[in-house]
Amino acid sequence: MRTVIKKNGAVAIPAEYRKILGLKAGDEVTLLIQEGEIRIIPQLQALQHARALVRRFIPEGRNLSDELIQDRRAEKPIIYHP
């Protein structure tokens, strides 16, 4: 499938491709340059990929967001007096 880059840099994604990827007007996508190519990745897929990358370094059963919340709650609040 071929398309044209408009003067403002916009590129139309053909309806058939949008349907396959489940994309609708207003959806966010991630652009990735890889080996001289531009890849358009649906935002949900990009997030799932990022989570899988991070998960490889986190032991099973460990929840970093829960740990962060606990750490923040345990911190002594800083009170500023002008």
N, C-alpha and C. Protein backbone atom coordinates (compact mmCIF):
# COMPACT_ATOMS: atom_id res chain seq x y z
N MET A 1 0.86 -1.17 0.00
CA MET A 1 0.00 0.00 0.00
C MET A 1 0.90 1.23 0.00
N ARG A 2 0.60 2.19 -0.83
CA ARG A 2 1.37 3.42 -0.92
C ARG A 2 0.51 4.59 -0.47
N THR A 3 1.16 5.60 0.09
CA THR A 3 0.48 6.82 0.49
C THR A 3 1.45 7.98 0.28
N VAL A 4 0.97 9.20 0.48
CA VAL A 4 1.77 10.40 0.25
C VAL A 4 1.89 11.19 1.55
N ILE A 5 3.06 11.77 1.78
CA ILE A 5 3.24 12.65 2.93
C ILE A 5 2.77 14.04 2.52
N LYS A 6 1.85 14.62 3.30
CA LYS A 6 1.32 15.96 3.01
C LYS A 6 2.33 17.02 3.42
N LYS A 7 2.08 18.27 3.01
CA LYS A 7 2.98 19.38 3.32
C LYS A 7 3.21 19.54 4.82
N ASN A 8 2.16 19.28 5.62
CA ASN A 8 2.28 19.43 7.08
C ASN A 8 2.87 18.19 7.75
N GLY A 9 3.29 17.20 6.97
CA GLY A 9 3.89 15.97 7.51
C GLY A 9 2.89 14.87 7.78
N ALA A 10 1.61 15.15 7.58
CA ALA A 10 0.58 14.14 7.85
C ALA A 10 0.67 13.01 6.84
N VAL A 11 0.41 11.80 7.32
CA VAL A 11 0.36 10.61 6.48
C VAL A 11 -0.97 9.93 6.75
N ALA A 12 -1.72 9.64 5.70
CA ALA A 12 -3.00 8.96 5.86
C ALA A 12 -2.75 7.46 5.99
N ILE A 13 -3.36 6.85 7.01
CA ILE A 13 -3.29 5.40 7.17
C ILE A 13 -4.56 4.84 6.52
N PRO A 14 -4.41 3.99 5.52
CA PRO A 14 -5.59 3.46 4.82
C PRO A 14 -6.58 2.79 5.78
N ALA A 15 -7.87 2.91 5.47
CA ALA A 15 -8.94 2.37 6.31
C ALA A 15 -8.74 0.89 6.61
N GLU A 16 -8.29 0.13 5.61
CA GLU A 16 -8.07 -1.31 5.79
C GLU A 16 -7.04 -1.57 6.90
N TYR A 17 -5.97 -0.79 6.90
CA TYR A 17 -4.92 -0.94 7.91
C TYR A 17 -5.43 -0.52 9.29
N ARG A 18 -6.18 0.60 9.33
CA ARG A 18 -6.73 1.06 10.62
C ARG A 18 -7.66 0.00 11.20
N LYS A 19 -8.44 -0.63 10.35
CA LYS A 19 -9.37 -1.66 10.81
C LYS A 19 -8.60 -2.85 11.39
N ILE A 20 -7.57 -3.29 10.69
CA ILE A 20 -6.76 -4.42 11.15
C ILE A 20 -6.14 -4.14 12.52
N LEU A 21 -5.66 -2.89 12.70
CA LEU A 21 -5.02 -2.50 13.96
C LEU A 21 -6.01 -2.02 15.02
N GLY A 22 -7.27 -1.90 14.65
CA GLY A 22 -8.28 -1.43 15.60
C GLY A 22 -8.13 0.04 15.94
N LEU A 23 -7.63 0.84 14.99
CA LEU A 23 -7.41 2.27 15.23
C LEU A 23 -8.61 3.08 14.78
N LYS A 24 -8.93 4.11 15.58
CA LYS A 24 -10.00 5.04 15.25
C LYS A 24 -9.45 6.45 15.30
N ALA A 25 -10.16 7.39 14.68
CA ALA A 25 -9.76 8.80 14.71
C ALA A 25 -9.58 9.23 16.17
N GLY A 26 -8.48 9.88 16.47
CA GLY A 26 -8.19 10.35 17.83
C GLY A 26 -7.37 9.39 18.66
N ASP A 27 -7.21 8.15 18.21
CA ASP A 27 -6.38 7.19 18.95
C ASP A 27 -4.92 7.63 18.91
N GLU A 28 -4.20 7.37 20.00
CA GLU A 28 -2.77 7.67 20.04
C GLU A 28 -1.98 6.47 19.55
N VAL A 29 -0.89 6.76 18.85
CA VAL A 29 0.02 5.71 18.38
C VAL A 29 1.44 6.12 18.76
N THR A 30 2.33 5.16 18.77
CA THR A 30 3.75 5.40 19.00
C THR A 30 4.47 5.20 17.67
N LEU A 31 5.36 6.13 17.36
CA LEU A 31 6.19 6.00 16.16
C LEU A 31 7.56 5.54 16.59
N LEU A 32 8.10 4.57 15.89
CA LEU A 32 9.40 4.00 16.23
C LEU A 32 10.23 3.90 14.95
N ILE A 33 11.45 4.44 15.00
CA ILE A 33 12.36 4.28 13.87
C ILE A 33 13.23 3.07 14.18
N GLN A 34 13.21 2.10 13.28
CA GLN A 34 13.94 0.85 13.49
C GLN A 34 14.50 0.39 12.15
N GLU A 35 15.81 0.28 12.10
CA GLU A 35 16.49 -0.17 10.88
C GLU A 35 16.06 0.63 9.65
N GLY A 36 16.00 1.97 9.80
CA GLY A 36 15.67 2.83 8.68
C GLY A 36 14.20 2.83 8.28
N GLU A 37 13.34 2.27 9.11
CA GLU A 37 11.91 2.23 8.83
C GLU A 37 11.14 2.91 9.95
N ILE A 38 9.97 3.44 9.63
CA ILE A 38 9.08 3.99 10.65
C ILE A 38 8.00 2.97 10.93
N ARG A 39 7.86 2.60 12.18
CA ARG A 39 6.79 1.68 12.59
C ARG A 39 5.75 2.48 13.35
N ILE A 40 4.48 2.23 13.06
CA ILE A 40 3.36 2.86 13.76
C ILE A 40 2.75 1.79 14.65
N ILE A 41 2.79 2.03 15.95
CA ILE A 41 2.35 1.02 16.91
C ILE A 41 1.18 1.57 17.72
N PRO A 42 0.05 0.85 17.77
CA PRO A 42 -1.06 1.30 18.61
C PRO A 42 -0.58 1.48 20.05
N GLN A 43 -1.07 2.52 20.72
CA GLN A 43 -0.58 2.86 22.05
C GLN A 43 -0.71 1.70 23.04
N LEU A 44 -1.83 1.00 23.02
CA LEU A 44 -2.02 -0.13 23.93
C LEU A 44 -0.95 -1.19 23.71
N GLN A 45 -0.66 -1.49 22.45
CA GLN A 45 0.37 -2.49 22.13
C GLN A 45 1.75 -2.01 22.60
N ALA A 46 2.05 -0.72 22.44
CA ALA A 46 3.33 -0.17 22.89
C ALA A 46 3.45 -0.28 24.40
N LEU A 47 2.37 0.00 25.12
CA LEU A 47 2.40 -0.11 26.59
C LEU A 47 2.59 -1.56 27.03
N GLN A 48 1.91 -2.47 26.36
CA GLN A 48 2.06 -3.89 26.71
C GLN A 48 3.50 -4.35 26.47
N HIS A 49 4.10 -3.89 25.39
CA HIS A 49 5.49 -4.24 25.09
C HIS A 49 6.42 -3.68 26.16
N ALA A 50 6.22 -2.42 26.55
CA ALA A 50 7.06 -1.80 27.58
C ALA A 50 6.92 -2.53 28.91
N ARG A 51 5.70 -2.90 29.26
CA ARG A 51 5.48 -3.64 30.52
C ARG A 51 6.19 -4.99 30.49
N ALA A 52 6.15 -5.67 29.35
CA ALA A 52 6.81 -6.97 29.23
C ALA A 52 8.32 -6.82 29.37
N LEU A 53 8.89 -5.74 28.80
CA LEU A 53 10.33 -5.51 28.94
C LEU A 53 10.72 -5.30 30.40
N VAL A 54 9.95 -4.48 31.10
CA VAL A 54 10.24 -4.19 32.51
C VAL A 54 10.04 -5.45 33.35
N ARG A 55 8.99 -6.20 33.08
CA ARG A 55 8.65 -7.39 33.87
C ARG A 55 9.79 -8.41 33.88
N ARG A 56 10.61 -8.44 32.83
CA ARG A 56 11.73 -9.39 32.78
C ARG A 56 12.72 -9.16 33.92
N PHE A 57 12.76 -7.96 34.46
CA PHE A 57 13.73 -7.63 35.50
C PHE A 57 13.12 -7.58 36.90
N ILE A 58 11.84 -7.86 37.01
CA ILE A 58 11.14 -7.80 38.29
C ILE A 58 10.75 -9.22 38.69
N PRO A 59 11.14 -9.64 39.89
CA PRO A 59 10.78 -11.00 40.33
C PRO A 59 9.26 -11.19 40.38
N GLU A 60 8.82 -12.40 40.10
CA GLU A 60 7.40 -12.74 40.11
C GLU A 60 6.80 -12.41 41.48
N GLY A 61 5.63 -11.82 41.48
CA GLY A 61 4.93 -11.48 42.72
C GLY A 61 5.30 -10.12 43.30
N ARG A 62 6.31 -9.47 42.75
CA ARG A 62 6.72 -8.16 43.26
C ARG A 62 5.95 -7.08 42.50
N ASN A 63 5.42 -6.10 43.22
CA ASN A 63 4.63 -5.05 42.61
C ASN A 63 5.29 -3.71 42.91
N LEU A 64 5.97 -3.14 41.92
CA LEU A 64 6.73 -1.91 42.13
C LEU A 64 5.84 -0.72 42.47
N SER A 65 4.65 -0.65 41.86
CA SER A 65 3.78 0.48 42.16
C SER A 65 3.31 0.45 43.61
N ASP A 66 3.00 -0.74 44.14
CA ASP A 66 2.62 -0.84 45.55
C ASP A 66 3.79 -0.44 46.45
N GLU A 67 5.00 -0.85 46.08
CA GLU A 67 6.19 -0.48 46.87
C GLU A 67 6.40 1.02 46.86
N LEU A 68 6.21 1.64 45.73
CA LEU A 68 6.37 3.09 45.62
C LEU A 68 5.36 3.81 46.50
N ILE A 69 4.11 3.37 46.47
CA ILE A 69 3.06 3.98 47.30
C ILE A 69 3.42 3.84 48.77
N GLN A 70 3.88 2.66 49.18
CA GLN A 70 4.26 2.45 50.58
C GLN A 70 5.42 3.35 50.97
N ASP A 71 6.41 3.48 50.10
CA ASP A 71 7.56 4.35 50.37
C ASP A 71 7.12 5.80 50.54
N ARG A 72 6.24 6.26 49.68
CA ARG A 72 5.77 7.65 49.75
C ARG A 72 4.99 7.89 51.04
N ARG A 73 4.19 6.94 51.44
CA ARG A 73 3.40 7.09 52.68
C ARG A 73 4.30 7.08 53.90
N ALA A 74 5.42 6.37 53.81
CA ALA A 74 6.34 6.27 54.95
C ALA A 74 7.25 7.50 55.09
N GLU A 75 7.38 8.26 54.02
CA GLU A 75 8.24 9.43 54.07
C GLU A 75 7.67 10.50 54.99
N LYS A 76 8.58 11.19 55.68
CA LYS A 76 8.17 12.28 56.55
C LYS A 76 7.86 13.49 55.66
N PRO A 77 6.67 14.08 55.82
CA PRO A 77 6.33 15.22 54.97
C PRO A 77 7.25 16.42 55.25
N ILE A 78 7.55 17.15 54.21
CA ILE A 78 8.36 18.36 54.34
C ILE A 78 7.41 19.52 54.37
N ILE A 79 7.52 20.32 55.41
CA ILE A 79 6.64 21.49 55.57
C ILE A 79 7.48 22.73 55.36
N TYR A 80 7.07 23.55 54.41
CA TYR A 80 7.77 24.77 54.11
C TYR A 80 7.09 25.95 54.78
N HIS A 81 7.85 26.81 55.41
CA HIS A 81 7.31 28.02 56.01
C HIS A 81 7.92 29.22 55.31
N PRO A 82 7.10 29.96 54.58
CA PRO A 82 7.64 31.13 53.86
C PRO A 82 8.08 32.25 54.78
